[in-house]
Amino acid sequence: MPQSSFDTLRALAIGTQALGLALIITLETVLGDAARPWQGGVLAAMVACALVIALVRMYRNKRRQKRLAERLDASASENHEC
């Protein structure tokens, strides 16, 4: 199975981090010192998104490895029978 050149999870990770940074800067500009709690919330959301994306990436990699191992086992058993 060929790898696609566009990594959706990587794009999502970069996009959420860029959006979070822009929001943090905008909050500082608009609210000044009153932005601190909101900025903390944005930062927490950014970290949560990064963790979810990392978990999805790990799940996909494990699933891909499992399918590859199953194919190799099936191929080996077919070759052994001949």
Protein backbone atom coordinates (compact mmCIF):
# COMPACT_ATOMS: atom_id res chain seq x y z
CA MET A 1 0.00 0.00 0.00
CA PRO A 2 1.66 3.28 -1.08
CA GLN A 3 2.11 6.06 1.45
CA SER A 4 0.29 9.28 0.63
CA SER A 5 2.48 12.34 0.51
CA PHE A 6 -0.04 14.38 2.52
CA ASP A 7 -0.13 13.56 6.23
CA THR A 8 -3.54 14.63 7.53
CA LEU A 9 -2.64 14.21 11.18
CA ARG A 10 0.50 16.32 10.80
CA ALA A 11 -1.49 19.05 9.06
CA LEU A 12 -4.11 18.92 11.80
CA ALA A 13 -1.41 19.17 14.49
CA ILE A 14 0.26 22.14 12.82
CA GLY A 15 -3.09 23.83 12.20
CA THR A 16 -4.31 23.51 15.78
CA GLN A 17 -1.01 24.77 17.18
CA ALA A 18 -0.97 27.74 14.79
CA LEU A 19 -4.58 28.57 15.60
CA GLY A 20 -3.87 28.34 19.33
CA LEU A 21 -0.84 30.61 19.08
CA ALA A 22 -2.81 33.16 17.05
CA LEU A 23 -5.61 33.04 19.60
CA ILE A 24 -3.20 33.53 22.51
CA ILE A 25 -1.64 36.57 20.80
CA THR A 26 -5.07 37.98 19.93
CA LEU A 27 -6.29 37.57 23.50
CA GLU A 28 -3.19 39.39 24.80
CA THR A 29 -3.77 42.20 22.32
CA VAL A 30 -7.47 42.61 23.03
CA LEU A 31 -7.69 41.89 26.76
CA GLY A 32 -4.23 42.74 28.05
CA ASP A 33 -3.55 41.30 31.52
CA ALA A 34 -7.13 40.01 31.77
CA ALA A 35 -6.28 37.49 29.04
CA ARG A 36 -4.15 35.28 31.31
CA PRO A 37 -6.87 32.79 32.36
CA TRP A 38 -8.17 32.57 28.79
CA GLN A 39 -4.66 32.02 27.48
CA GLY A 40 -4.23 29.19 29.97
CA GLY A 41 -7.41 27.60 28.69
CA VAL A 42 -6.23 27.91 25.09
CA LEU A 43 -2.88 26.38 26.03
CA ALA A 44 -4.64 23.49 27.78
CA ALA A 45 -6.80 22.91 24.69
CA MET A 46 -3.68 22.96 22.49
CA VAL A 47 -1.99 20.33 24.67
CA ALA A 48 -5.16 18.20 24.69
CA CYS A 49 -5.37 18.34 20.88
CA ALA A 50 -1.71 17.37 20.57
CA LEU A 51 -2.22 14.39 22.90
CA VAL A 52 -5.30 13.19 21.01
CA ILE A 53 -3.46 13.46 17.68
CA ALA A 54 -0.50 11.55 19.12
CA LEU A 55 -2.82 8.78 20.38
CA VAL A 56 -4.54 8.53 16.99
CA ARG A 57 -1.14 8.32 15.28
CA MET A 58 -0.02 5.54 17.65
CA TYR A 59 -3.27 3.63 17.09
CA ARG A 60 -2.92 3.87 13.30
CA ASN A 61 0.70 2.74 13.41
CA LYS A 62 -0.13 -0.25 15.63
CA ARG A 63 -3.02 -1.21 13.37
CA ARG A 64 -0.79 -0.93 10.29
CA GLN A 65 1.89 -3.10 11.94
CA LYS A 66 -0.72 -5.70 12.89
CA ARG A 67 -2.08 -5.89 9.32
CA LEU A 68 1.45 -6.20 7.94
CA ALA A 69 2.27 -9.00 10.38
CA GLU A 70 -0.95 -10.83 9.43
CA ARG A 71 -0.10 -10.52 5.72
CA LEU A 72 3.42 -11.79 6.32
CA ASP A 73 2.08 -14.75 8.32
CA ALA A 74 -0.45 -15.57 5.59
CA SER A 75 2.22 -15.28 2.93
CA ALA A 76 4.62 -17.47 4.87
CA SER A 77 1.97 -20.15 5.43
CA GLU A 78 1.06 -20.12 1.70
CA ASN A 79 4.71 -20.54 0.72
CA HIS A 80 5.20 -23.28 3.28
CA GLU A 81 2.26 -25.32 1.92
CA CYS A 82 3.61 -25.40 -1.64
